[in-house]
Amino acid sequence: MADDLETRFEQAVNKVRNAPDDGSFKPSNEFRLKMYALYRQATDGDVTGKRPGMLKVVERAKYDAWSKAQGMPRDKAMAAYIEQVEAIETEHG
């Protein structure tokens, strides 16, 4: 079962990485941060290191998004990532 989840997760990640820039789905920054957080939680676990300073806006936003997923088990983060990709596929093809 875990292998199936990991395989489905990798397939979902590849779909996101290979999605055309001019596709019908235009994700918001909030959505991108959510997907980033789920991906990092699934691949690296809980956020580590110091929170970036306020002048590093992008890095700080990524850190904050990832920290919201803190404590989420790896398999749940993978499943949530897959669900988001499948929902987008259903809605946008």
PDB file of N, CA and C in Angstrom:
ATOM      1  N   MET A   1       0.822  -1.202   0.000  1.00  0.00           N
ATOM      2  CA  MET A   1       0.000   0.000   0.000  1.00  0.00           C
ATOM      3  C   MET A   1       0.861   1.260   0.000  1.00  0.00           C
ATOM      4  N   ALA A   2       1.893   1.266   0.814  1.00  0.00           N
ATOM      5  CA  ALA A   2       2.771   2.436   0.873  1.00  0.00           C
ATOM      6  C   ALA A   2       3.452   2.668  -0.470  1.00  0.00           C
ATOM      7  N   ASP A   3       3.851   1.579  -1.134  1.00  0.00           N
ATOM      8  CA  ASP A   3       4.480   1.716  -2.443  1.00  0.00           C
ATOM      9  C   ASP A   3       3.504   2.327  -3.444  1.00  0.00           C
ATOM     10  N   ASP A   4       2.227   1.915  -3.361  1.00  0.00           N
ATOM     11  CA  ASP A   4       1.205   2.468  -4.247  1.00  0.00           C
ATOM     12  C   ASP A   4       1.039   3.964  -4.003  1.00  0.00           C
ATOM     13  N   LEU A   5       1.006   4.365  -2.750  1.00  0.00           N
ATOM     14  CA  LEU A   5       0.877   5.782  -2.404  1.00  0.00           C
ATOM     15  C   LEU A   5       2.082   6.561  -2.921  1.00  0.00           C
ATOM     16  N   GLU A   6       3.266   6.029  -2.717  1.00  0.00           N
ATOM     17  CA  GLU A   6       4.476   6.708  -3.180  1.00  0.00           C
ATOM     18  C   GLU A   6       4.497   6.824  -4.702  1.00  0.00           C
ATOM     19  N   THR A   7       4.051   5.778  -5.385  1.00  0.00           N
ATOM     20  CA  THR A   7       3.999   5.802  -6.845  1.00  0.00           C
ATOM     21  C   THR A   7       3.006   6.857  -7.320  1.00  0.00           C
ATOM     22  N   ARG A   8       1.835   6.890  -6.705  1.00  0.00           N
ATOM     23  CA  ARG A   8       0.826   7.879  -7.071  1.00  0.00           C
ATOM     24  C   ARG A   8       1.311   9.295  -6.766  1.00  0.00           C
ATOM     25  N   PHE A   9       2.038   9.458  -5.654  1.00  0.00           N
ATOM     26  CA  PHE A   9       2.591  10.756  -5.293  1.00  0.00           C
ATOM     27  C   PHE A   9       3.604  11.216  -6.346  1.00  0.00           C
ATOM     28  N   GLU A  10       4.496  10.340  -6.725  1.00  0.00           N
ATOM     29  CA  GLU A  10       5.505  10.684  -7.735  1.00  0.00           C
ATOM     30  C   GLU A  10       4.842  11.034  -9.066  1.00  0.00           C
ATOM     31  N   GLN A  11       3.794  10.315  -9.423  1.00  0.00           N
ATOM     32  CA  GLN A  11       3.066  10.619 -10.658  1.00  0.00           C
ATOM     33  C   GLN A  11       2.421  12.000 -10.566  1.00  0.00           C
ATOM     34  N   ALA A  12       1.844  12.324  -9.420  1.00  0.00           N
ATOM     35  CA  ALA A  12       1.229  13.636  -9.223  1.00  0.00           C
ATOM     36  C   ALA A  12       2.283  14.741  -9.295  1.00  0.00           C
ATOM     37  N   VAL A  13       3.424  14.519  -8.674  1.00  0.00           N
ATOM     38  CA  VAL A  13       4.512  15.502  -8.709  1.00  0.00           C
ATOM     39  C   VAL A  13       4.967  15.725 -10.150  1.00  0.00           C
ATOM     40  N   ASN A  14       5.097  14.647 -10.919  1.00  0.00           N
ATOM     41  CA  ASN A  14       5.514  14.775 -12.318  1.00  0.00           C
ATOM     42  C   ASN A  14       4.486  15.538 -13.142  1.00  0.00           C
ATOM     43  N   LYS A  15       3.211  15.325 -12.852  1.00  0.00           N
ATOM     44  CA  LYS A  15       2.166  16.070 -13.558  1.00  0.00           C
ATOM     45  C   LYS A  15       2.290  17.564 -13.282  1.00  0.00           C
ATOM     46  N   VAL A  16       2.563  17.903 -12.045  1.00  0.00           N
ATOM     47  CA  VAL A  16       2.702  19.317 -11.681  1.00  0.00           C
ATOM     48  C   VAL A  16       3.952  19.899 -12.338  1.00  0.00           C
ATOM     49  N   ARG A  17       5.043  19.184 -12.265  1.00  0.00           N
ATOM     50  CA  ARG A  17       6.302  19.678 -12.841  1.00  0.00           C
ATOM     51  C   ARG A  17       6.214  19.844 -14.355  1.00  0.00           C
ATOM     52  N   ASN A  18       5.446  18.983 -15.016  1.00  0.00           N
ATOM     53  CA  ASN A  18       5.368  19.000 -16.474  1.00  0.00           C
ATOM     54  C   ASN A  18       4.126  19.705 -17.013  1.00  0.00           C
ATOM     55  N   ALA A  19       3.386  20.350 -16.138  1.00  0.00           N
ATOM     56  CA  ALA A  19       2.185  21.070 -16.577  1.00  0.00           C
ATOM     57  C   ALA A  19       2.586  22.258 -17.446  1.00  0.00           C
ATOM     58  N   PRO A  20       1.859  22.474 -18.532  1.00  0.00           N
ATOM     59  CA  PRO A  20       2.200  23.612 -19.397  1.00  0.00           C
ATOM     60  C   PRO A  20       1.898  24.945 -18.705  1.00  0.00           C
ATOM     61  N   ASP A  21       2.762  25.899 -18.922  1.00  0.00           N
ATOM     62  CA  ASP A  21       2.577  27.224 -18.328  1.00  0.00           C
ATOM     63  C   ASP A  21       1.329  27.913 -18.872  1.00  0.00           C
ATOM     64  N   ASP A  22       0.941  27.550 -20.089  1.00  0.00           N
ATOM     65  CA  ASP A  22      -0.215  28.200 -20.706  1.00  0.00           C
ATOM     66  C   ASP A  22      -1.480  27.339 -20.610  1.00  0.00           C
ATOM     67  N   GLY A  23      -1.533  26.447 -19.628  1.00  0.00           N
ATOM     68  CA  GLY A  23      -2.697  25.598 -19.434  1.00  0.00           C
ATOM     69  C   GLY A  23      -3.888  26.373 -18.901  1.00  0.00           C
ATOM     70  N   SER A  24      -5.019  25.681 -18.773  1.00  0.00           N
ATOM     71  CA  SER A  24      -6.251  26.343 -18.344  1.00  0.00           C
ATOM     72  C   SER A  24      -6.263  26.664 -16.855  1.00  0.00           C
ATOM     73  N   PHE A  25      -5.441  25.975 -16.066  1.00  0.00           N
ATOM     74  CA  PHE A  25      -5.414  26.210 -14.621  1.00  0.00           C
ATOM     75  C   PHE A  25      -4.335  27.233 -14.282  1.00  0.00           C
ATOM     76  N   LYS A  26      -4.750  28.314 -13.669  1.00  0.00           N
ATOM     77  CA  LYS A  26      -3.826  29.375 -13.237  1.00  0.00           C
ATOM     78  C   LYS A  26      -3.854  29.432 -11.712  1.00  0.00           C
ATOM     79  N   PRO A  27      -2.923  28.734 -11.051  1.00  0.00           N
ATOM     80  CA  PRO A  27      -2.954  28.678  -9.582  1.00  0.00           C
ATOM     81  C   PRO A  27      -2.603  30.010  -8.934  1.00  0.00           C
ATOM     82  N   SER A  28      -3.284  30.282  -7.842  1.00  0.00           N
ATOM     83  CA  SER A  28      -2.976  31.477  -7.062  1.00  0.00           C
ATOM     84  C   SER A  28      -1.699  31.233  -6.267  1.00  0.00           C
ATOM     85  N   ASN A  29      -1.129  32.301  -5.746  1.00  0.00           N
ATOM     86  CA  ASN A  29       0.056  32.157  -4.903  1.00  0.00           C
ATOM     87  C   ASN A  29      -0.273  31.346  -3.657  1.00  0.00           C
ATOM     88  N   GLU A  30      -1.473  31.535  -3.127  1.00  0.00           N
ATOM     89  CA  GLU A  30      -1.901  30.782  -1.946  1.00  0.00           C
ATOM     90  C   GLU A  30      -1.931  29.277  -2.247  1.00  0.00           C
ATOM     91  N   PHE A  31      -2.464  28.925  -3.403  1.00  0.00           N
ATOM     92  CA  PHE A  31      -2.519  27.519  -3.798  1.00  0.00           C
ATOM     93  C   PHE A  31      -1.109  26.959  -3.995  1.00  0.00           C
ATOM     94  N   ARG A  32      -0.255  27.726  -4.645  1.00  0.00           N
ATOM     95  CA  ARG A  32       1.132  27.280  -4.867  1.00  0.00           C
ATOM     96  C   ARG A  32       1.840  27.026  -3.538  1.00  0.00           C
ATOM     97  N   LEU A  33       1.611  27.914  -2.569  1.00  0.00           N
ATOM     98  CA  LEU A  33       2.235  27.734  -1.261  1.00  0.00           C
ATOM     99  C   LEU A  33       1.697  26.483  -0.561  1.00  0.00           C
ATOM    100  N   LYS A  34       0.415  26.230  -0.700  1.00  0.00           N
ATOM    101  CA  LYS A  34      -0.183  25.030  -0.109  1.00  0.00           C
ATOM    102  C   LYS A  34       0.444  23.770  -0.711  1.00  0.00           C
ATOM    103  N   MET A  35       0.594  23.753  -2.031  1.00  0.00           N
ATOM    104  CA  MET A  35       1.188  22.594  -2.699  1.00  0.00           C
ATOM    105  C   MET A  35       2.666  22.440  -2.312  1.00  0.00           C
ATOM    106  N   TYR A  36       3.353  23.561  -2.207  1.00  0.00           N
ATOM    107  CA  TYR A  36       4.750  23.541  -1.771  1.00  0.00           C
ATOM    108  C   TYR A  36       4.856  22.925  -0.383  1.00  0.00           C
ATOM    109  N   ALA A  37       3.988  23.354   0.515  1.00  0.00           N
ATOM    110  CA  ALA A  37       4.016  22.865   1.893  1.00  0.00           C
ATOM    111  C   ALA A  37       3.736  21.368   1.942  1.00  0.00           C
ATOM    112  N   LEU A  38       2.742  20.906   1.200  1.00  0.00           N
ATOM    113  CA  LEU A  38       2.429  19.473   1.190  1.00  0.00           C
ATOM    114  C   LEU A  38       3.581  18.665   0.615  1.00  0.00           C
ATOM    115  N   TYR A  39       4.184  19.180  -0.448  1.00  0.00           N
ATOM    116  CA  TYR A  39       5.321  18.485  -1.064  1.00  0.00           C
ATOM    117  C   TYR A  39       6.494  18.390  -0.084  1.00  0.00           C
ATOM    118  N   ARG A  40       6.847  19.510   0.533  1.00  0.00           N
ATOM    119  CA  ARG A  40       7.981  19.503   1.464  1.00  0.00           C
ATOM    120  C   ARG A  40       7.706  18.629   2.679  1.00  0.00           C
ATOM    121  N   GLN A  41       6.467  18.662   3.176  1.00  0.00           N
ATOM    122  CA  GLN A  41       6.116  17.837   4.330  1.00  0.00           C
ATOM    123  C   GLN A  41       6.229  16.357   3.960  1.00  0.00           C
ATOM    124  N   ALA A  42       5.779  16.021   2.743  1.00  0.00           N
ATOM    125  CA  ALA A  42       5.823  14.630   2.285  1.00  0.00           C
ATOM    126  C   ALA A  42       7.246  14.153   2.022  1.00  0.00           C
ATOM    127  N   THR A  43       8.106  15.039   1.547  1.00  0.00           N
ATOM    128  CA  THR A  43       9.458  14.622   1.178  1.00  0.00           C
ATOM    129  C   THR A  43      10.500  14.861   2.269  1.00  0.00           C
ATOM    130  N   ASP A  44      10.320  15.911   3.080  1.00  0.00           N
ATOM    131  CA  ASP A  44      11.343  16.280   4.063  1.00  0.00           C
ATOM    132  C   ASP A  44      10.879  16.252   5.514  1.00  0.00           C
ATOM    133  N   GLY A  45       9.578  16.100   5.742  1.00  0.00           N
ATOM    134  CA  GLY A  45       9.073  16.116   7.116  1.00  0.00           C
ATOM    135  C   GLY A  45       8.885  17.537   7.619  1.00  0.00           C
ATOM    136  N   ASP A  46       8.895  17.694   8.919  1.00  0.00           N
ATOM    137  CA  ASP A  46       8.646  18.999   9.533  1.00  0.00           C
ATOM    138  C   ASP A  46       9.704  20.031   9.140  1.00  0.00           C
ATOM    139  N   VAL A  47       9.243  21.277   9.071  1.00  0.00           N
ATOM    140  CA  VAL A  47      10.119  22.386   8.723  1.00  0.00           C
ATOM    141  C   VAL A  47      11.263  22.487   9.740  1.00  0.00           C
ATOM    142  N   THR A  48      12.429  22.875   9.242  1.00  0.00           N
ATOM    143  CA  THR A  48      13.599  23.028  10.109  1.00  0.00           C
ATOM    144  C   THR A  48      14.240  24.382   9.833  1.00  0.00           C
ATOM    145  N   GLY A  49      15.118  24.765  10.709  1.00  0.00           N
ATOM    146  CA  GLY A  49      15.855  26.010  10.532  1.00  0.00           C
ATOM    147  C   GLY A  49      15.094  27.214  11.049  1.00  0.00           C
ATOM    148  N   LYS A  50      15.773  28.336  10.955  1.00  0.00           N
ATOM    149  CA  LYS A  50      15.183  29.587  11.421  1.00  0.00           C
ATOM    150  C   LYS A  50      14.260  30.155  10.362  1.00  0.00           C
ATOM    151  N   ARG A  51      13.239  30.851  10.822  1.00  0.00           N
ATOM    152  CA  ARG A  51      12.312  31.540   9.928  1.00  0.00           C
ATOM    153  C   ARG A  51      13.063  32.689   9.265  1.00  0.00           C
ATOM    154  N   PRO A  52      13.001  32.798   7.926  1.00  0.00           N
ATOM    155  CA  PRO A  52      13.695  33.889   7.235  1.00  0.00           C
ATOM    156  C   PRO A  52      13.181  35.254   7.684  1.00  0.00           C
ATOM    157  N   GLY A  53      14.043  36.236   7.580  1.00  0.00           N
ATOM    158  CA  GLY A  53      13.696  37.598   7.965  1.00  0.00           C
ATOM    159  C   GLY A  53      12.648  38.202   7.055  1.00  0.00           C
ATOM    160  N   MET A  54      12.074  39.324   7.498  1.00  0.00           N
ATOM    161  CA  MET A  54      10.958  39.915   6.763  1.00  0.00           C
ATOM    162  C   MET A  54      11.349  40.486   5.408  1.00  0.00           C
ATOM    163  N   LEU A  55      12.612  40.700   5.157  1.00  0.00           N
ATOM    164  CA  LEU A  55      13.035  41.198   3.855  1.00  0.00           C
ATOM    165  C   LEU A  55      13.137  40.085   2.822  1.00  0.00           C
ATOM    166  N   LYS A  56      13.138  38.859   3.265  1.00  0.00           N
ATOM    167  CA  LYS A  56      13.151  37.698   2.368  1.00  0.00           C
ATOM    168  C   LYS A  56      11.712  37.199   2.252  1.00  0.00           C
ATOM    169  N   VAL A  57      10.917  37.939   1.493  1.00  0.00           N
ATOM    170  CA  VAL A  57       9.475  37.738   1.443  1.00  0.00           C
ATOM    171  C   VAL A  57       9.098  36.345   0.935  1.00  0.00           C
ATOM    172  N   VAL A  58       9.670  35.918  -0.170  1.00  0.00           N
ATOM    173  CA  VAL A  58       9.315  34.624  -0.759  1.00  0.00           C
ATOM    174  C   VAL A  58       9.729  33.480   0.154  1.00  0.00           C
ATOM    175  N   GLU A  59      10.963  33.516   0.636  1.00  0.00           N
ATOM    176  CA  GLU A  59      11.449  32.461   1.513  1.00  0.00           C
ATOM    177  C   GLU A  59      10.625  32.373   2.791  1.00  0.00           C
ATOM    178  N   ARG A  60      10.241  33.527   3.308  1.00  0.00           N
ATOM    179  CA  ARG A  60       9.447  33.572   4.536  1.00  0.00           C
ATOM    180  C   ARG A  60       8.052  32.995   4.297  1.00  0.00           C
ATOM    181  N   ALA A  61       7.448  33.314   3.160  1.00  0.00           N
ATOM    182  CA  ALA A  61       6.123  32.787   2.827  1.00  0.00           C
ATOM    183  C   ALA A  61       6.175  31.259   2.687  1.00  0.00           C
ATOM    184  N   LYS A  62       7.213  30.762   2.060  1.00  0.00           N
ATOM    185  CA  LYS A  62       7.371  29.310   1.916  1.00  0.00           C
ATOM    186  C   LYS A  62       7.556  28.649   3.280  1.00  0.00           C
ATOM    187  N   TYR A  63       8.395  29.233   4.100  1.00  0.00           N
ATOM    188  CA  TYR A  63       8.631  28.704   5.437  1.00  0.00           C
ATOM    189  C   TYR A  63       7.332  28.672   6.239  1.00  0.00           C
ATOM    190  N   ASP A  64       6.588  29.777   6.193  1.00  0.00           N
ATOM    191  CA  ASP A  64       5.334  29.861   6.946  1.00  0.00           C
ATOM    192  C   ASP A  64       4.314  28.836   6.456  1.00  0.00           C
ATOM    193  N   ALA A  65       4.212  28.659   5.144  1.00  0.00           N
ATOM    194  CA  ALA A  65       3.279  27.676   4.593  1.00  0.00           C
ATOM    195  C   ALA A  65       3.664  26.270   5.038  1.00  0.00           C
ATOM    196  N   TRP A  66       4.943  25.958   4.952  1.00  0.00           N
ATOM    197  CA  TRP A  66       5.422  24.634   5.337  1.00  0.00           C
ATOM    198  C   TRP A  66       5.201  24.402   6.829  1.00  0.00           C
ATOM    199  N   SER A  67       5.411  25.428   7.639  1.00  0.00           N
ATOM    200  CA  SER A  67       5.256  25.257   9.089  1.00  0.00           C
ATOM    201  C   SER A  67       3.803  24.959   9.476  1.00  0.00           C
ATOM    202  N   LYS A  68       2.845  25.373   8.647  1.00  0.00           N
ATOM    203  CA  LYS A  68       1.439  25.061   8.915  1.00  0.00           C
ATOM    204  C   LYS A  68       1.149  23.571   8.778  1.00  0.00           C
ATOM    205  N   ALA A  69       1.984  22.864   8.021  1.00  0.00           N
ATOM    206  CA  ALA A  69       1.810  21.422   7.839  1.00  0.00           C
ATOM    207  C   ALA A  69       2.589  20.621   8.885  1.00  0.00           C
ATOM    208  N   GLN A  70       3.256  21.309   9.784  1.00  0.00           N
ATOM    209  CA  GLN A  70       4.076  20.644  10.794  1.00  0.00           C
ATOM    210  C   GLN A  70       3.270  19.598  11.561  1.00  0.00           C
ATOM    211  N   GLY A  71       3.867  18.435  11.730  1.00  0.00           N
ATOM    212  CA  GLY A  71       3.218  17.354  12.460  1.00  0.00           C
ATOM    213  C   GLY A  71       2.384  16.436  11.583  1.00  0.00           C
ATOM    214  N   MET A  72       2.111  16.851  10.342  1.00  0.00           N
ATOM    215  CA  MET A  72       1.333  16.008   9.431  1.00  0.00           C
ATOM    216  C   MET A  72       2.193  14.812   9.017  1.00  0.00           C
ATOM    217  N   PRO A  73       1.674  13.598   9.166  1.00  0.00           N
ATOM    218  CA  PRO A  73       2.442  12.429   8.746  1.00  0.00           C
ATOM    219  C   PRO A  73       2.719  12.440   7.240  1.00  0.00           C
ATOM    220  N   ARG A  74       3.810  11.824   6.873  1.00  0.00           N
ATOM    221  CA  ARG A  74       4.254  11.783   5.477  1.00  0.00           C
ATOM    222  C   ARG A  74       3.159  11.258   4.559  1.00  0.00           C
ATOM    223  N   ASP A  75       2.522  10.158   4.937  1.00  0.00           N
ATOM    224  CA  ASP A  75       1.510   9.558   4.068  1.00  0.00           C
ATOM    225  C   ASP A  75       0.290  10.460   3.913  1.00  0.00           C
ATOM    226  N   LYS A  76      -0.058  11.200   4.945  1.00  0.00           N
ATOM    227  CA  LYS A  76      -1.200  12.122   4.845  1.00  0.00           C
ATOM    228  C   LYS A  76      -0.858  13.307   3.942  1.00  0.00           C
ATOM    229  N   ALA A  77       0.381  13.781   4.004  1.00  0.00           N
ATOM    230  CA  ALA A  77       0.809  14.875   3.133  1.00  0.00           C
ATOM    231  C   ALA A  77       0.810  14.413   1.675  1.00  0.00           C
ATOM    232  N   MET A  78       1.276  13.203   1.431  1.00  0.00           N
ATOM    233  CA  MET A  78       1.255  12.660   0.073  1.00  0.00           C
ATOM    234  C   MET A  78      -0.173  12.545  -0.442  1.00  0.00           C
ATOM    235  N   ALA A  79      -1.049  11.992   0.396  1.00  0.00           N
ATOM    236  CA  ALA A  79      -2.452  11.806   0.003  1.00  0.00           C
ATOM    237  C   ALA A  79      -3.118  13.155  -0.281  1.00  0.00           C
ATOM    238  N   ALA A  80      -2.843  14.163   0.527  1.00  0.00           N
ATOM    239  CA  ALA A  80      -3.432  15.488   0.321  1.00  0.00           C
ATOM    240  C   ALA A  80      -2.926  16.107  -0.977  1.00  0.00           C
ATOM    241  N   TYR A  81      -1.653  15.922  -1.276  1.00  0.00           N
ATOM    242  CA  TYR A  81      -1.069  16.433  -2.520  1.00  0.00           C
ATOM    243  C   TYR A  81      -1.744  15.775  -3.717  1.00  0.00           C
ATOM    244  N   ILE A  82      -1.883  14.459  -3.656  1.00  0.00           N
ATOM    245  CA  ILE A  82      -2.528  13.700  -4.736  1.00  0.00           C
ATOM    246  C   ILE A  82      -3.965  14.173  -4.931  1.00  0.00           C
ATOM    247  N   GLU A  83      -4.686  14.351  -3.837  1.00  0.00           N
ATOM    248  CA  GLU A  83      -6.078  14.804  -3.912  1.00  0.00           C
ATOM    249  C   GLU A  83      -6.192  16.155  -4.608  1.00  0.00           C
ATOM    250  N   GLN A  84      -5.286  17.066  -4.298  1.00  0.00           N
ATOM    251  CA  GLN A  84      -5.315  18.389  -4.924  1.00  0.00           C
ATOM    252  C   GLN A  84      -5.077  18.285  -6.432  1.00  0.00           C
ATOM    253  N   VAL A  85      -4.103  17.474  -6.829  1.00  0.00           N
ATOM    254  CA  VAL A  85      -3.796  17.314  -8.254  1.00  0.00           C
ATOM    255  C   VAL A  85      -4.982  16.671  -8.970  1.00  0.00           C
ATOM    256  N   GLU A  86      -5.576  15.648  -8.372  1.00  0.00           N
ATOM    257  CA  GLU A  86      -6.730  14.988  -8.980  1.00  0.00           C
ATOM    258  C   GLU A  86      -7.923  15.934  -9.103  1.00  0.00           C
ATOM    259  N   ALA A  87      -8.130  16.782  -8.122  1.00  0.00           N
ATOM    260  CA  ALA A  87      -9.225  17.745  -8.176  1.00  0.00           C
ATOM    261  C   ALA A  87      -9.026  18.738  -9.316  1.00  0.00           C
ATOM    262  N   ILE A  88      -7.801  19.177  -9.514  1.00  0.00           N
ATOM    263  CA  ILE A  88      -7.490  20.102 -10.604  1.00  0.00           C
ATOM    264  C   ILE A  88      -7.704  19.423 -11.954  1.00  0.00           C
ATOM    265  N   GLU A  89      -7.253  18.177 -12.050  1.00  0.00           N
ATOM    266  CA  GLU A  89      -7.440  17.429 -13.296  1.00  0.00           C
ATOM    267  C   GLU A  89      -8.920  17.258 -13.623  1.00  0.00           C
ATOM    268  N   THR A  90      -9.716  16.973 -12.618  1.00  0.00           N
ATOM    269  CA  THR A  90     -11.147  16.791 -12.819  1.00  0.00           C
ATOM    270  C   THR A  90     -11.790  18.096 -13.289  1.00  0.00           C
ATOM    271  N   GLU A  91     -11.366  19.190 -12.680  1.00  0.00           N
ATOM    272  CA  GLU A  91     -11.962  20.489 -12.997  1.00  0.00           C
ATOM    273  C   GLU A  91     -11.456  21.076 -14.310  1.00  0.00           C
ATOM    274  N   HIS A  92     -10.153  20.914 -14.577  1.00  0.00           N
ATOM    275  CA  HIS A  92      -9.548  21.594 -15.726  1.00  0.00           C
ATOM    276  C   HIS A  92      -9.067  20.664 -16.832  1.00  0.00           C
ATOM    277  N   GLY A  93      -9.160  19.372 -16.606  1.00  0.00           N
ATOM    278  CA  GLY A  93      -8.761  18.414 -17.644  1.00  0.00           C
ATOM    279  C   GLY A  93      -7.339  18.182 -17.795  1.00  0.00           C
TER     280      GLY A  93
END
